[in-house]
């Protein structure tokens, strides 16, 4: 679940400031990463996008977002394979998903539009 309430629950279960939440944002049709970016911004989290390409030829590629309050994403191993998400654009509170609101239509991917993540 990618709602404000769900993220608050996930954060309450972290064991320390360097704990990490991993969100699989792989989807061909909708840009789920923008929802995660809004939640990261809302809760003051650092976010890094990991693009795991299909190297085996068997599986499709996968995209993950790593979220943390601490410095656990500031290590060379993560920085080599990840891209810090751009969280400088203010996401209106009304666009953050809640248990009572979501707007999947707004997330439909426009292939001509560049991602806000990189």
Protein backbone atom coordinates (compact mmCIF):
# COMPACT_ATOMS: atom_id res chain seq x y z
CA UNK A 1 0.00 0.00 0.00
CA UNK A 2 1.27 3.43 -0.91
CA UNK A 3 -0.92 5.65 1.21
CA UNK A 4 0.06 8.26 3.78
CA UNK A 5 -1.38 6.07 6.54
CA UNK A 6 0.42 2.94 5.32
CA UNK A 7 3.77 4.77 5.15
CA UNK A 8 3.29 6.03 8.71
CA UNK A 9 2.75 2.42 9.79
CA UNK A 10 5.83 1.20 7.88
CA UNK A 11 7.95 3.94 9.44
CA UNK A 12 6.71 3.05 12.93
CA UNK A 13 8.15 -0.46 12.49
CA UNK A 14 11.66 0.61 11.49
CA UNK A 15 14.27 -0.38 14.07
CA UNK A 16 16.52 2.64 13.70
CA UNK A 17 17.31 5.76 11.67
CA UNK A 18 19.33 3.79 9.09
CA UNK A 19 16.62 1.19 8.44
CA UNK A 20 15.41 1.05 4.84
CA UNK A 21 12.00 0.56 3.25
CA UNK A 22 12.19 -1.03 -0.22
CA UNK A 23 9.30 -0.35 -2.63
CA UNK A 24 8.99 -2.20 -5.94
CA UNK A 25 7.78 0.45 -8.41
CA UNK A 26 8.02 -1.66 -11.56
CA UNK A 27 5.02 -0.98 -13.79
CA UNK A 28 4.78 -0.45 -17.55
CA UNK A 29 1.55 1.53 -17.46
CA UNK A 30 1.67 3.84 -14.46
CA UNK A 31 4.41 5.85 -12.74
CA UNK A 32 4.15 4.57 -9.18
CA UNK A 33 7.48 6.19 -8.33
CA UNK A 34 5.82 9.61 -8.25
CA UNK A 35 3.52 8.40 -5.45
CA UNK A 36 6.55 7.16 -3.52
CA UNK A 37 8.33 10.49 -4.15
CA UNK A 38 5.37 12.36 -2.64
CA UNK A 39 5.42 10.13 0.43
CA UNK A 40 9.19 10.53 0.79
CA UNK A 41 8.80 14.29 0.66
CA UNK A 42 5.90 14.25 3.13
CA UNK A 43 7.86 12.24 5.70
CA UNK A 44 11.28 13.83 5.10
CA UNK A 45 12.84 10.65 3.76
CA UNK A 46 15.82 10.22 1.47
CA UNK A 47 14.90 8.23 -1.63
CA UNK A 48 17.04 6.42 -4.19
CA UNK A 49 15.80 4.76 -7.37
CA UNK A 50 17.45 1.43 -8.20
CA UNK A 51 17.04 0.34 -11.81
CA UNK A 52 17.74 -3.39 -11.97
CA UNK A 53 18.14 -4.23 -15.66
CA UNK A 54 17.31 -7.61 -17.15
CA UNK A 55 20.73 -9.21 -17.46
CA UNK A 56 19.56 -12.81 -17.73
CA UNK A 57 17.21 -12.38 -20.66
CA UNK A 58 14.63 -14.41 -18.75
CA UNK A 59 12.97 -11.85 -16.51
CA UNK A 60 11.80 -8.31 -17.06
CA UNK A 61 13.75 -5.48 -15.48
CA UNK A 62 12.69 -4.20 -12.09
CA UNK A 63 12.73 -0.77 -10.48
CA UNK A 64 12.91 -0.22 -6.74
CA UNK A 65 12.88 2.84 -4.51
CA UNK A 66 14.84 2.70 -1.27
CA UNK A 67 13.60 5.01 1.50
CA UNK A 68 15.36 5.92 4.74
CA UNK A 69 15.55 8.61 7.39
CA UNK A 70 19.27 8.13 7.91
CA UNK A 71 22.47 7.87 5.91
CA UNK A 72 22.25 4.23 4.86
CA UNK A 73 21.81 5.22 1.18
CA UNK A 74 25.00 7.32 1.24
CA UNK A 75 27.31 4.35 0.66
CA UNK A 76 29.28 3.75 -2.55
CA UNK A 77 27.56 0.43 -3.25
CA UNK A 78 24.14 2.10 -3.38
CA UNK A 79 25.39 5.20 -5.19
CA UNK A 80 26.91 3.02 -7.94
CA UNK A 81 23.59 1.41 -8.85
CA UNK A 82 21.07 4.03 -7.74
CA UNK A 83 19.92 7.53 -8.55
CA UNK A 84 18.84 9.94 -5.80
CA UNK A 85 15.23 10.91 -6.44
CA UNK A 86 14.46 14.55 -7.07
CA UNK A 87 12.31 15.64 -4.17
CA UNK A 88 12.75 19.37 -4.72
CA UNK A 89 9.37 19.83 -6.38
CA UNK A 90 6.67 20.36 -3.82
CA UNK A 91 3.97 17.70 -4.05
CA UNK A 92 0.61 19.16 -3.00
CA UNK A 93 -0.91 17.41 0.01
CA UNK A 94 -4.01 16.80 -2.11
CA UNK A 95 -1.99 14.57 -4.47
CA UNK A 96 -0.61 12.27 -1.78
CA UNK A 97 -2.60 9.07 -1.64
CA UNK A 98 -4.53 8.33 1.55
CA UNK A 99 -6.75 5.48 2.66
CA UNK A 100 -9.66 7.55 1.30
CA UNK A 101 -8.09 8.95 -1.89
CA UNK A 102 -6.01 7.76 -4.84
CA UNK A 103 -5.85 8.85 -8.47
CA UNK A 104 -4.40 6.16 -10.74
CA UNK A 105 -5.42 8.00 -13.93
CA UNK A 106 -3.00 10.83 -13.09
CA UNK A 107 -0.18 8.29 -13.03
CA UNK A 108 -0.60 7.00 -16.57
CA UNK A 109 2.83 7.13 -18.15
CA UNK A 110 3.40 9.58 -20.96
CA UNK A 111 6.37 8.15 -22.89
CA UNK A 112 7.33 11.63 -24.14
CA UNK A 113 7.56 13.09 -20.63
CA UNK A 114 10.89 12.71 -18.86
CA UNK A 115 10.84 11.09 -15.47
CA UNK A 116 10.96 13.44 -12.48
CA UNK A 117 13.28 11.03 -10.72
CA UNK A 118 16.58 11.63 -12.50
